Amino acid sequence: MEKKQNSIAMWKLILFSVAFMAFNGTRAQANLLGPTSVDENTTHTYTYNDGISYIYDGWNVTGGTLVSNSGSGTTYTAVVQWSSAGAGSVAFKKKAVVLETLNVTIN
């Protein structure tokens, strides 16, 4: 009985380790790409791609204006017009859940 319990405990540890490594590997990769230092009153393009196609996608922009957005396959694109100097951010979301945020310095 003790061998069976040790075997079960070992399998739980292995499964936890594999899941942990898979999760960390996914989060380490940046899916939201674009410039993080921009000049005020300039326009830049940001893309998000995590390999998943979303029906209810969207963008949140602070410190600027979302000029346009589009999606093709699993790639989503936002064009942002940055405002005056300071801090800004651009985030990709699925419904109300923000999947990734990129902080931007507006010079």
PDB file of N, CA and C in Angstrom:
ATOM      1  N   MET A   1       0.823  -1.201   0.000  1.00  0.00           N
ATOM      2  CA  MET A   1       0.000   0.000   0.000  1.00  0.00           C
ATOM      3  C   MET A   1       0.864   1.261   0.000  1.00  0.00           C
ATOM      4  N   GLU A   2       1.961   1.222   0.768  1.00  0.00           N
ATOM      5  CA  GLU A   2       2.840   2.383   0.837  1.00  0.00           C
ATOM      6  C   GLU A   2       3.491   2.665  -0.510  1.00  0.00           C
ATOM      7  N   LYS A   3       3.858   1.606  -1.256  1.00  0.00           N
ATOM      8  CA  LYS A   3       4.455   1.787  -2.583  1.00  0.00           C
ATOM      9  C   LYS A   3       3.464   2.460  -3.525  1.00  0.00           C
ATOM     10  N   LYS A   4       2.193   2.064  -3.436  1.00  0.00           N
ATOM     11  CA  LYS A   4       1.162   2.652  -4.287  1.00  0.00           C
ATOM     12  C   LYS A   4       0.995   4.141  -3.980  1.00  0.00           C
ATOM     13  N   GLN A   5       0.998   4.502  -2.697  1.00  0.00           N
ATOM     14  CA  GLN A   5       0.867   5.906  -2.304  1.00  0.00           C
ATOM     15  C   GLN A   5       2.069   6.720  -2.768  1.00  0.00           C
ATOM     16  N   ASN A   6       3.265   6.148  -2.647  1.00  0.00           N
ATOM     17  CA  ASN A   6       4.466   6.835  -3.128  1.00  0.00           C
ATOM     18  C   ASN A   6       4.424   7.016  -4.635  1.00  0.00           C
ATOM     19  N   SER A   7       3.923   6.010  -5.348  1.00  0.00           N
ATOM     20  CA  SER A   7       3.819   6.092  -6.807  1.00  0.00           C
ATOM     21  C   SER A   7       2.828   7.186  -7.218  1.00  0.00           C
ATOM     22  N   ILE A   8       1.704   7.250  -6.543  1.00  0.00           N
ATOM     23  CA  ILE A   8       0.699   8.280  -6.837  1.00  0.00           C
ATOM     24  C   ILE A   8       1.263   9.663  -6.545  1.00  0.00           C
ATOM     25  N   ALA A   9       1.951   9.803  -5.416  1.00  0.00           N
ATOM     26  CA  ALA A   9       2.549  11.091  -5.066  1.00  0.00           C
ATOM     27  C   ALA A   9       3.587  11.507  -6.103  1.00  0.00           C
ATOM     28  N   MET A  10       4.377  10.539  -6.588  1.00  0.00           N
ATOM     29  CA  MET A  10       5.381  10.871  -7.587  1.00  0.00           C
ATOM     30  C   MET A  10       4.728  11.311  -8.894  1.00  0.00           C
ATOM     31  N   TRP A  11       3.662  10.648  -9.334  1.00  0.00           N
ATOM     32  CA  TRP A  11       2.972  11.042 -10.559  1.00  0.00           C
ATOM     33  C   TRP A  11       2.343  12.431 -10.423  1.00  0.00           C
ATOM     34  N   LYS A  12       1.803  12.733  -9.259  1.00  0.00           N
ATOM     35  CA  LYS A  12       1.243  14.068  -9.028  1.00  0.00           C
ATOM     36  C   LYS A  12       2.330  15.131  -9.146  1.00  0.00           C
ATOM     37  N   LEU A  13       3.492  14.837  -8.584  1.00  0.00           N
ATOM     38  CA  LEU A  13       4.608  15.772  -8.663  1.00  0.00           C
ATOM     39  C   LEU A  13       5.068  15.957 -10.108  1.00  0.00           C
ATOM     40  N   ILE A  14       5.143  14.872 -10.858  1.00  0.00           N
ATOM     41  CA  ILE A  14       5.554  14.956 -12.267  1.00  0.00           C
ATOM     42  C   ILE A  14       4.545  15.780 -13.058  1.00  0.00           C
ATOM     43  N   LEU A  15       3.257  15.493 -12.880  1.00  0.00           N
ATOM     44  CA  LEU A  15       2.227  16.241 -13.611  1.00  0.00           C
ATOM     45  C   LEU A  15       2.245  17.722 -13.242  1.00  0.00           C
ATOM     46  N   PHE A  16       2.412  18.030 -11.958  1.00  0.00           N
ATOM     47  CA  PHE A  16       2.500  19.414 -11.529  1.00  0.00           C
ATOM     48  C   PHE A  16       3.701  20.100 -12.165  1.00  0.00           C
ATOM     49  N   SER A  17       4.838  19.423 -12.198  1.00  0.00           N
ATOM     50  CA  SER A  17       6.066  20.000 -12.767  1.00  0.00           C
ATOM     51  C   SER A  17       5.907  20.278 -14.251  1.00  0.00           C
ATOM     52  N   VAL A  18       5.311  19.337 -14.979  1.00  0.00           N
ATOM     53  CA  VAL A  18       5.104  19.521 -16.419  1.00  0.00           C
ATOM     54  C   VAL A  18       4.151  20.690 -16.660  1.00  0.00           C
ATOM     55  N   ALA A  19       3.058  20.746 -15.901  1.00  0.00           N
ATOM     56  CA  ALA A  19       2.101  21.852 -16.061  1.00  0.00           C
ATOM     57  C   ALA A  19       2.753  23.181 -15.726  1.00  0.00           C
ATOM     58  N   PHE A  20       3.546  23.230 -14.678  1.00  0.00           N
ATOM     59  CA  PHE A  20       4.226  24.458 -14.268  1.00  0.00           C
ATOM     60  C   PHE A  20       5.184  24.931 -15.351  1.00  0.00           C
ATOM     61  N   MET A  21       5.972  24.014 -15.912  1.00  0.00           N
ATOM     62  CA  MET A  21       6.922  24.383 -16.968  1.00  0.00           C
ATOM     63  C   MET A  21       6.191  24.856 -18.223  1.00  0.00           C
ATOM     64  N   ALA A  22       5.093  24.200 -18.566  1.00  0.00           N
ATOM     65  CA  ALA A  22       4.334  24.612 -19.750  1.00  0.00           C
ATOM     66  C   ALA A  22       3.750  26.000 -19.549  1.00  0.00           C
ATOM     67  N   PHE A  23       3.195  26.277 -18.373  1.00  0.00           N
ATOM     68  CA  PHE A  23       2.623  27.588 -18.094  1.00  0.00           C
ATOM     69  C   PHE A  23       3.698  28.661 -18.128  1.00  0.00           C
ATOM     70  N   ASN A  24       4.807  28.439 -17.487  1.00  0.00           N
ATOM     71  CA  ASN A  24       5.886  29.426 -17.461  1.00  0.00           C
ATOM     72  C   ASN A  24       6.468  29.642 -18.841  1.00  0.00           C
ATOM     73  N   GLY A  25       6.566  28.604 -19.641  1.00  0.00           N
ATOM     74  CA  GLY A  25       7.076  28.754 -21.000  1.00  0.00           C
ATOM     75  C   GLY A  25       6.172  29.627 -21.847  1.00  0.00           C
ATOM     76  N   THR A  26       4.875  29.509 -21.640  1.00  0.00           N
ATOM     77  CA  THR A  26       3.918  30.308 -22.400  1.00  0.00           C
ATOM     78  C   THR A  26       3.979  31.768 -21.976  1.00  0.00           C
ATOM     79  N   ARG A  27       4.056  32.041 -20.703  1.00  0.00           N
ATOM     80  CA  ARG A  27       4.052  33.417 -20.216  1.00  0.00           C
ATOM     81  C   ARG A  27       5.350  34.151 -20.503  1.00  0.00           C
ATOM     82  N   ALA A  28       6.445  33.405 -20.655  1.00  0.00           N
ATOM     83  CA  ALA A  28       7.724  34.056 -20.884  1.00  0.00           C
ATOM     84  C   ALA A  28       7.795  34.672 -22.280  1.00  0.00           C
ATOM     85  N   GLN A  29       6.994  34.179 -23.192  1.00  0.00           N
ATOM     86  CA  GLN A  29       7.014  34.670 -24.556  1.00  0.00           C
ATOM     87  C   GLN A  29       6.102  35.889 -24.681  1.00  0.00           C
ATOM     88  N   ALA A  30       6.625  36.960 -25.263  1.00  0.00           N
ATOM     89  CA  ALA A  30       5.822  38.167 -25.473  1.00  0.00           C
ATOM     90  C   ALA A  30       4.936  37.978 -26.693  1.00  0.00           C
ATOM     91  N   ASN A  31       3.638  38.157 -26.502  1.00  0.00           N
ATOM     92  CA  ASN A  31       2.685  38.051 -27.600  1.00  0.00           C
ATOM     93  C   ASN A  31       2.284  39.412 -28.142  1.00  0.00           C
ATOM     94  N   LEU A  32       2.455  40.456 -27.335  1.00  0.00           N
ATOM     95  CA  LEU A  32       2.113  41.824 -27.717  1.00  0.00           C
ATOM     96  C   LEU A  32       3.396  42.552 -28.074  1.00  0.00           C
ATOM     97  N   LEU A  33       3.493  42.963 -29.328  1.00  0.00           N
ATOM     98  CA  LEU A  33       4.727  43.574 -29.828  1.00  0.00           C
ATOM     99  C   LEU A  33       4.473  44.967 -30.378  1.00  0.00           C
ATOM    100  N   GLY A  34       5.449  45.836 -30.194  1.00  0.00           N
ATOM    101  CA  GLY A  34       5.392  47.199 -30.700  1.00  0.00           C
ATOM    102  C   GLY A  34       6.363  48.048 -29.914  1.00  0.00           C
ATOM    103  N   PRO A  35       6.569  49.300 -30.351  1.00  0.00           N
ATOM    104  CA  PRO A  35       7.533  50.173 -29.672  1.00  0.00           C
ATOM    105  C   PRO A  35       7.082  50.555 -28.266  1.00  0.00           C
ATOM    106  N   THR A  36       8.041  50.608 -27.337  1.00  0.00           N
ATOM    107  CA  THR A  36       7.739  50.969 -25.951  1.00  0.00           C
ATOM    108  C   THR A  36       8.238  52.369 -25.604  1.00  0.00           C
ATOM    109  N   SER A  37       8.930  53.011 -26.529  1.00  0.00           N
ATOM    110  CA  SER A  37       9.352  54.398 -26.360  1.00  0.00           C
ATOM    111  C   SER A  37       9.005  55.126 -27.653  1.00  0.00           C
ATOM    112  N   VAL A  38       8.102  56.115 -27.543  1.00  0.00           N
ATOM    113  CA  VAL A  38       7.600  56.808 -28.736  1.00  0.00           C
ATOM    114  C   VAL A  38       7.646  58.314 -28.509  1.00  0.00           C
ATOM    115  N   ASP A  39       7.581  59.068 -29.580  1.00  0.00           N
ATOM    116  CA  ASP A  39       7.483  60.523 -29.483  1.00  0.00           C
ATOM    117  C   ASP A  39       6.013  60.911 -29.429  1.00  0.00           C
ATOM    118  N   GLU A  40       5.727  62.029 -28.742  1.00  0.00           N
ATOM    119  CA  GLU A  40       4.346  62.490 -28.662  1.00  0.00           C
ATOM    120  C   GLU A  40       3.829  62.843 -30.051  1.00  0.00           C
ATOM    121  N   ASN A  41       2.528  62.677 -30.214  1.00  0.00           N
ATOM    122  CA  ASN A  41       1.831  62.969 -31.468  1.00  0.00           C
ATOM    123  C   ASN A  41       2.339  62.138 -32.646  1.00  0.00           C
ATOM    124  N   THR A  42       2.775  60.907 -32.369  1.00  0.00           N
ATOM    125  CA  THR A  42       3.169  59.990 -33.442  1.00  0.00           C
ATOM    126  C   THR A  42       2.248  58.780 -33.424  1.00  0.00           C
ATOM    127  N   THR A  43       2.208  58.079 -34.548  1.00  0.00           N
ATOM    128  CA  THR A  43       1.344  56.916 -34.703  1.00  0.00           C
ATOM    129  C   THR A  43       2.198  55.666 -34.842  1.00  0.00           C
ATOM    130  N   HIS A  44       1.812  54.605 -34.122  1.00  0.00           N
ATOM    131  CA  HIS A  44       2.570  53.349 -34.157  1.00  0.00           C
ATOM    132  C   HIS A  44       1.620  52.161 -34.202  1.00  0.00           C
ATOM    133  N   THR A  45       2.143  51.059 -34.719  1.00  0.00           N
ATOM    134  CA  THR A  45       1.362  49.836 -34.860  1.00  0.00           C
ATOM    135  C   THR A  45       1.794  48.812 -33.816  1.00  0.00           C
ATOM    136  N   TYR A  46       0.807  48.141 -33.219  1.00  0.00           N
ATOM    137  CA  TYR A  46       1.033  47.095 -32.225  1.00  0.00           C
ATOM    138  C   TYR A  46       0.323  45.825 -32.686  1.00  0.00           C
ATOM    139  N   THR A  47       0.955  44.686 -32.472  1.00  0.00           N
ATOM    140  CA  THR A  47       0.352  43.420 -32.868  1.00  0.00           C
ATOM    141  C   THR A  47       0.318  42.455 -31.693  1.00  0.00           C
ATOM    142  N   TYR A  48      -0.705  41.625 -31.691  1.00  0.00           N
ATOM    143  CA  TYR A  48      -0.845  40.571 -30.689  1.00  0.00           C
ATOM    144  C   TYR A  48      -1.090  39.265 -31.415  1.00  0.00           C
ATOM    145  N   ASN A  49      -0.331  38.229 -31.044  1.00  0.00           N
ATOM    146  CA  ASN A  49      -0.538  36.900 -31.615  1.00  0.00           C
ATOM    147  C   ASN A  49      -0.073  35.857 -30.620  1.00  0.00           C
ATOM    148  N   ASP A  50      -1.023  35.086 -30.085  1.00  0.00           N
ATOM    149  CA  ASP A  50      -0.672  33.971 -29.209  1.00  0.00           C
ATOM    150  C   ASP A  50      -1.095  32.636 -29.824  1.00  0.00           C
ATOM    151  N   GLY A  51      -1.418  32.679 -31.134  1.00  0.00           N
ATOM    152  CA  GLY A  51      -1.791  31.459 -31.828  1.00  0.00           C
ATOM    153  C   GLY A  51      -3.246  31.065 -31.659  1.00  0.00           C
ATOM    154  N   ILE A  52      -4.042  31.909 -31.004  1.00  0.00           N
ATOM    155  CA  ILE A  52      -5.450  31.609 -30.761  1.00  0.00           C
ATOM    156  C   ILE A  52      -6.313  32.638 -31.479  1.00  0.00           C
ATOM    157  N   SER A  53      -7.388  32.164 -32.096  1.00  0.00           N
ATOM    158  CA  SER A  53      -8.331  33.052 -32.759  1.00  0.00           C
ATOM    159  C   SER A  53      -9.433  33.434 -31.770  1.00  0.00           C
ATOM    160  N   TYR A  54      -9.639  34.750 -31.579  1.00  0.00           N
ATOM    161  CA  TYR A  54     -10.636  35.244 -30.635  1.00  0.00           C
ATOM    162  C   TYR A  54     -11.805  35.879 -31.374  1.00  0.00           C
ATOM    163  N   ILE A  55     -13.010  35.615 -30.883  1.00  0.00           N
ATOM    164  CA  ILE A  55     -14.208  36.242 -31.459  1.00  0.00           C
ATOM    165  C   ILE A  55     -14.413  37.621 -30.846  1.00  0.00           C
ATOM    166  N   TYR A  56     -14.265  37.717 -29.530  1.00  0.00           N
ATOM    167  CA  TYR A  56     -14.500  38.978 -28.820  1.00  0.00           C
ATOM    168  C   TYR A  56     -13.160  39.572 -28.391  1.00  0.00           C
ATOM    169  N   ASP A  57     -12.447  40.136 -29.347  1.00  0.00           N
ATOM    170  CA  ASP A  57     -11.150  40.731 -29.042  1.00  0.00           C
ATOM    171  C   ASP A  57     -11.300  42.237 -28.906  1.00  0.00           C
ATOM    172  N   GLY A  58     -10.309  42.866 -28.300  1.00  0.00           N
ATOM    173  CA  GLY A  58     -10.353  44.308 -28.158  1.00  0.00           C
ATOM    174  C   GLY A  58      -9.040  44.859 -27.647  1.00  0.00           C
ATOM    175  N   TRP A  59      -8.947  46.169 -27.618  1.00  0.00           N
ATOM    176  CA  TRP A  59      -7.739  46.865 -27.185  1.00  0.00           C
ATOM    177  C   TRP A  59      -8.101  47.917 -26.149  1.00  0.00           C
ATOM    178  N   ASN A  60      -7.207  48.122 -25.194  1.00  0.00           N
ATOM    179  CA  ASN A  60      -7.293  49.247 -24.252  1.00  0.00           C
ATOM    180  C   ASN A  60      -6.051  50.104 -24.467  1.00  0.00           C
ATOM    181  N   VAL A  61      -6.240  51.396 -24.635  1.00  0.00           N
ATOM    182  CA  VAL A  61      -5.119  52.312 -24.821  1.00  0.00           C
ATOM    183  C   VAL A  61      -5.242  53.434 -23.801  1.00  0.00           C
ATOM    184  N   THR A  62      -4.149  53.714 -23.084  1.00  0.00           N
ATOM    185  CA  THR A  62      -4.090  54.874 -22.204  1.00  0.00           C
ATOM    186  C   THR A  62      -2.948  55.758 -22.679  1.00  0.00           C
ATOM    187  N   GLY A  63      -3.173  57.070 -22.655  1.00  0.00           N
ATOM    188  CA  GLY A  63      -2.153  58.007 -23.106  1.00  0.00           C
ATOM    189  C   GLY A  63      -2.152  58.227 -24.602  1.00  0.00           C
ATOM    190  N   GLY A  64      -3.156  57.707 -25.261  1.00  0.00           N
ATOM    191  CA  GLY A  64      -3.252  57.856 -26.711  1.00  0.00           C
ATOM    192  C   GLY A  64      -4.635  57.482 -27.189  1.00  0.00           C
ATOM    193  N   THR A  65      -4.784  57.419 -28.503  1.00  0.00           N
ATOM    194  CA  THR A  65      -6.069  57.117 -29.114  1.00  0.00           C
ATOM    195  C   THR A  65      -5.926  55.920 -30.039  1.00  0.00           C
ATOM    196  N   LEU A  66      -6.857  54.980 -29.931  1.00  0.00           N
ATOM    197  CA  LEU A  66      -6.897  53.854 -30.853  1.00  0.00           C
ATOM    198  C   LEU A  66      -7.454  54.355 -32.181  1.00  0.00           C
ATOM    199  N   VAL A  67      -6.606  54.411 -33.200  1.00  0.00           N
ATOM    200  CA  VAL A  67      -7.011  54.920 -34.513  1.00  0.00           C
ATOM    201  C   VAL A  67      -7.772  53.854 -35.286  1.00  0.00           C
ATOM    202  N   SER A  68      -7.258  52.617 -35.272  1.00  0.00           N
ATOM    203  CA  SER A  68      -7.914  51.517 -35.967  1.00  0.00           C
ATOM    204  C   SER A  68      -7.426  50.202 -35.387  1.00  0.00           C
ATOM    205  N   ASN A  69      -8.197  49.161 -35.649  1.00  0.00           N
ATOM    206  CA  ASN A  69      -7.767  47.813 -35.281  1.00  0.00           C
ATOM    207  C   ASN A  69      -8.310  46.818 -36.281  1.00  0.00           C
ATOM    208  N   SER A  70      -7.634  45.688 -36.373  1.00  0.00           N
ATOM    209  CA  SER A  70      -8.063  44.647 -37.297  1.00  0.00           C
ATOM    210  C   SER A  70      -7.529  43.312 -36.811  1.00  0.00           C
ATOM    211  N   GLY A  71      -8.052  42.255 -37.394  1.00  0.00           N
ATOM    212  CA  GLY A  71      -7.590  40.919 -37.075  1.00  0.00           C
ATOM    213  C   GLY A  71      -7.601  40.060 -38.310  1.00  0.00           C
ATOM    214  N   SER A  72      -6.599  39.192 -38.406  1.00  0.00           N
ATOM    215  CA  SER A  72      -6.516  38.254 -39.511  1.00  0.00           C
ATOM    216  C   SER A  72      -5.924  36.954 -38.980  1.00  0.00           C
ATOM    217  N   GLY A  73      -6.722  35.898 -38.974  1.00  0.00           N
ATOM    218  CA  GLY A  73      -6.265  34.637 -38.404  1.00  0.00           C
ATOM    219  C   GLY A  73      -6.090  34.790 -36.909  1.00  0.00           C
ATOM    220  N   THR A  74      -4.859  34.610 -36.436  1.00  0.00           N
ATOM    221  CA  THR A  74      -4.577  34.747 -35.005  1.00  0.00           C
ATOM    222  C   THR A  74      -3.759  35.997 -34.703  1.00  0.00           C
ATOM    223  N   THR A  75      -3.619  36.880 -35.695  1.00  0.00           N
ATOM    224  CA  THR A  75      -2.864  38.127 -35.520  1.00  0.00           C
ATOM    225  C   THR A  75      -3.830  39.301 -35.453  1.00  0.00           C
ATOM    226  N   TYR A  76      -3.690  40.097 -34.403  1.00  0.00           N
ATOM    227  CA  TYR A  76      -4.533  41.264 -34.181  1.00  0.00           C
ATOM    228  C   TYR A  76      -3.654  42.501 -34.179  1.00  0.00           C
ATOM    229  N   THR A  77      -4.106  43.556 -34.841  1.00  0.00           N
ATOM    230  CA  THR A  77      -3.298  44.755 -35.028  1.00  0.00           C
ATOM    231  C   THR A  77      -4.054  45.979 -34.539  1.00  0.00           C
ATOM    232  N   ALA A  78      -3.323  46.863 -33.863  1.00  0.00           N
ATOM    233  CA  ALA A  78      -3.884  48.139 -33.416  1.00  0.00           C
ATOM    234  C   ALA A  78      -2.959  49.258 -33.861  1.00  0.00           C
ATOM    235  N   VAL A  79      -3.540  50.337 -34.365  1.00  0.00           N
ATOM    236  CA  VAL A  79      -2.789  51.538 -34.705  1.00  0.00           C
ATOM    237  C   VAL A  79      -3.140  52.578 -33.648  1.00  0.00           C
ATOM    238  N   VAL A  80      -2.099  53.101 -32.985  1.00  0.00           N
ATOM    239  CA  VAL A  80      -2.299  54.024 -31.864  1.00  0.00           C
ATOM    240  C   VAL A  80      -1.639  55.357 -32.158  1.00  0.00           C
ATOM    241  N   GLN A  81      -2.374  56.438 -31.940  1.00  0.00           N
ATOM    242  CA  GLN A  81      -1.856  57.804 -32.017  1.00  0.00           C
ATOM    243  C   GLN A  81      -1.553  58.222 -30.585  1.00  0.00           C
ATOM    244  N   TRP A  82      -0.262  58.405 -30.276  1.00  0.00           N
ATOM    245  CA  TRP A  82       0.126  58.771 -28.915  1.00  0.00           C
ATOM    246  C   TRP A  82      -0.050  60.260 -28.687  1.00  0.00           C
ATOM    247  N   SER A  83      -0.456  60.628 -27.486  1.00  0.00           N
ATOM    248  CA  SER A  83      -0.733  62.025 -27.141  1.00  0.00           C
ATOM    249  C   SER A  83       0.510  62.697 -26.589  1.00  0.00           C
ATOM    250  N   SER A  84       0.330  63.509 -25.560  1.00  0.00           N
ATOM    251  CA  SER A  84       1.445  64.269 -24.984  1.00  0.00           C
ATOM    252  C   SER A  84       2.350  63.388 -24.125  1.00  0.00           C
ATOM    253  N   ALA A  85       3.527  63.909 -23.832  1.00  0.00           N
ATOM    254  CA  ALA A  85       4.561  63.171 -23.108  1.00  0.00           C
ATOM    255  C   ALA A  85       4.044  62.641 -21.770  1.00  0.00           C
ATOM    256  N   GLY A  86       4.527  61.465 -21.409  1.00  0.00           N
ATOM    257  CA  GLY A  86       4.147  60.825 -20.155  1.00  0.00           C
ATOM    258  C   GLY A  86       4.127  59.320 -20.306  1.00  0.00           C
ATOM    259  N   ALA A  87       3.361  58.694 -19.449  1.00  0.00           N
ATOM    260  CA  ALA A  87       3.250  57.235 -19.476  1.00  0.00           C
ATOM    261  C   ALA A  87       2.004  56.825 -20.237  1.00  0.00           C
ATOM    262  N   GLY A  88       2.106  55.741 -20.950  1.00  0.00           N
ATOM    263  CA  GLY A  88       0.973  55.196 -21.677  1.00  0.00           C
ATOM    264  C   GLY A  88       1.024  53.687 -21.650  1.00  0.00           C
ATOM    265  N   SER A  89       0.000  53.065 -22.190  1.00  0.00           N
ATOM    266  CA  SER A  89      -0.008  51.616 -22.302  1.00  0.00           C
ATOM    267  C   SER A  89      -0.975  51.193 -23.394  1.00  0.00           C
ATOM    268  N   VAL A  90      -0.710  50.012 -23.914  1.00  0.00           N
ATOM    269  CA  VAL A  90      -1.611  49.389 -24.879  1.00  0.00           C
ATOM    270  C   VAL A  90      -1.799  47.945 -24.407  1.00  0.00           C
ATOM    271  N   ALA A  91      -3.044  47.493 -24.392  1.00  0.00           N
ATOM    272  CA  ALA A  91      -3.346  46.155 -23.893  1.00  0.00           C
ATOM    273  C   ALA A  91      -4.291  45.452 -24.851  1.00  0.00           C
ATOM    274  N   PHE A  92      -4.080  44.157 -25.021  1.00  0.00           N
ATOM    275  CA  PHE A  92      -4.994  43.329 -25.810  1.00  0.00           C
ATOM    276  C   PHE A  92      -5.853  42.549 -24.840  1.00  0.00           C
ATOM    277  N   LYS A  93      -7.168  42.487 -25.138  1.00  0.00           N
ATOM    278  CA  LYS A  93      -8.073  41.791 -24.236  1.00  0.00           C
ATOM    279  C   LYS A  93      -9.028  40.878 -24.989  1.00  0.00           C
ATOM    280  N   LYS A  94      -9.483  39.869 -24.285  1.00  0.00           N
ATOM    281  CA  LYS A  94     -10.542  38.973 -24.752  1.00  0.00           C
ATOM    282  C   LYS A  94     -11.739  39.250 -23.866  1.00  0.00           C
ATOM    283  N   LYS A  95     -12.790  39.789 -24.435  1.00  0.00           N
ATOM    284  CA  LYS A  95     -13.937  40.279 -23.665  1.00  0.00           C
ATOM    285  C   LYS A  95     -13.410  41.279 -22.642  1.00  0.00           C
ATOM    286  N   ALA A  96     -13.614  41.033 -21.351  1.00  0.00           N
ATOM    287  CA  ALA A  96     -13.156  41.980 -20.323  1.00  0.00           C
ATOM    288  C   ALA A  96     -11.819  41.568 -19.706  1.00  0.00           C
ATOM    289  N   VAL A  97     -11.241  40.476 -20.175  1.00  0.00           N
ATOM    290  CA  VAL A  97     -10.006  39.953 -19.590  1.00  0.00           C
ATOM    291  C   VAL A  97      -8.801  40.444 -20.391  1.00  0.00           C
ATOM    292  N   VAL A  98      -7.927  41.201 -19.747  1.00  0.00           N
ATOM    293  CA  VAL A  98      -6.709  41.674 -20.401  1.00  0.00           C
ATOM    294  C   VAL A  98      -5.730  40.513 -20.473  1.00  0.00           C
ATOM    295  N   LEU A  99      -5.292  40.176 -21.677  1.00  0.00           N
ATOM    296  CA  LEU A  99      -4.352  39.074 -21.872  1.00  0.00           C
ATOM    297  C   LEU A  99      -2.908  39.517 -21.766  1.00  0.00           C
ATOM    298  N   GLU A 100      -2.629  40.733 -22.218  1.00  0.00           N
ATOM    299  CA  GLU A 100      -1.250  41.243 -22.112  1.00  0.00           C
ATOM    300  C   GLU A 100      -1.249  42.753 -22.260  1.00  0.00           C
ATOM    301  N   THR A 101      -0.346  43.401 -21.521  1.00  0.00           N
ATOM    302  CA  THR A 101      -0.212  44.861 -21.533  1.00  0.00           C
ATOM    303  C   THR A 101       1.223  45.221 -21.839  1.00  0.00           C
ATOM    304  N   LEU A 102       1.398  46.263 -22.649  1.00  0.00           N
ATOM    305  CA  LEU A 102       2.713  46.788 -22.962  1.00  0.00           C
ATOM    306  C   LEU A 102       2.757  48.227 -22.486  1.00  0.00           C
ATOM    307  N   ASN A 103       3.674  48.542 -21.559  1.00  0.00           N
ATOM    308  CA  ASN A 103       3.825  49.909 -21.075  1.00  0.00           C
ATOM    309  C   ASN A 103       4.645  50.709 -22.089  1.00  0.00           C
ATOM    310  N   VAL A 104       4.236  51.949 -22.306  1.00  0.00           N
ATOM    311  CA  VAL A 104       4.856  52.796 -23.317  1.00  0.00           C
ATOM    312  C   VAL A 104       5.262  54.130 -22.679  1.00  0.00           C
ATOM    313  N   THR A 105       6.471  54.582 -22.974  1.00  0.00           N
ATOM    314  CA  THR A 105       6.939  55.894 -22.552  1.00  0.00           C
ATOM    315  C   THR A 105       6.758  56.843 -23.733  1.00  0.00           C
ATOM    316  N   ILE A 106       6.019  57.916 -23.498  1.00  0.00           N
ATOM    317  CA  ILE A 106       5.761  58.916 -24.554  1.00  0.00           C
ATOM    318  C   ILE A 106       6.707  60.093 -24.284  1.00  0.00           C
ATOM    319  N   ASN A 107       7.632  60.325 -25.217  1.00  0.00           N
ATOM    320  CA  ASN A 107       8.640  61.378 -25.063  1.00  0.00           C
ATOM    321  C   ASN A 107       8.172  62.694 -25.690  1.00  0.00           C
TER     322      ASN A 107
END
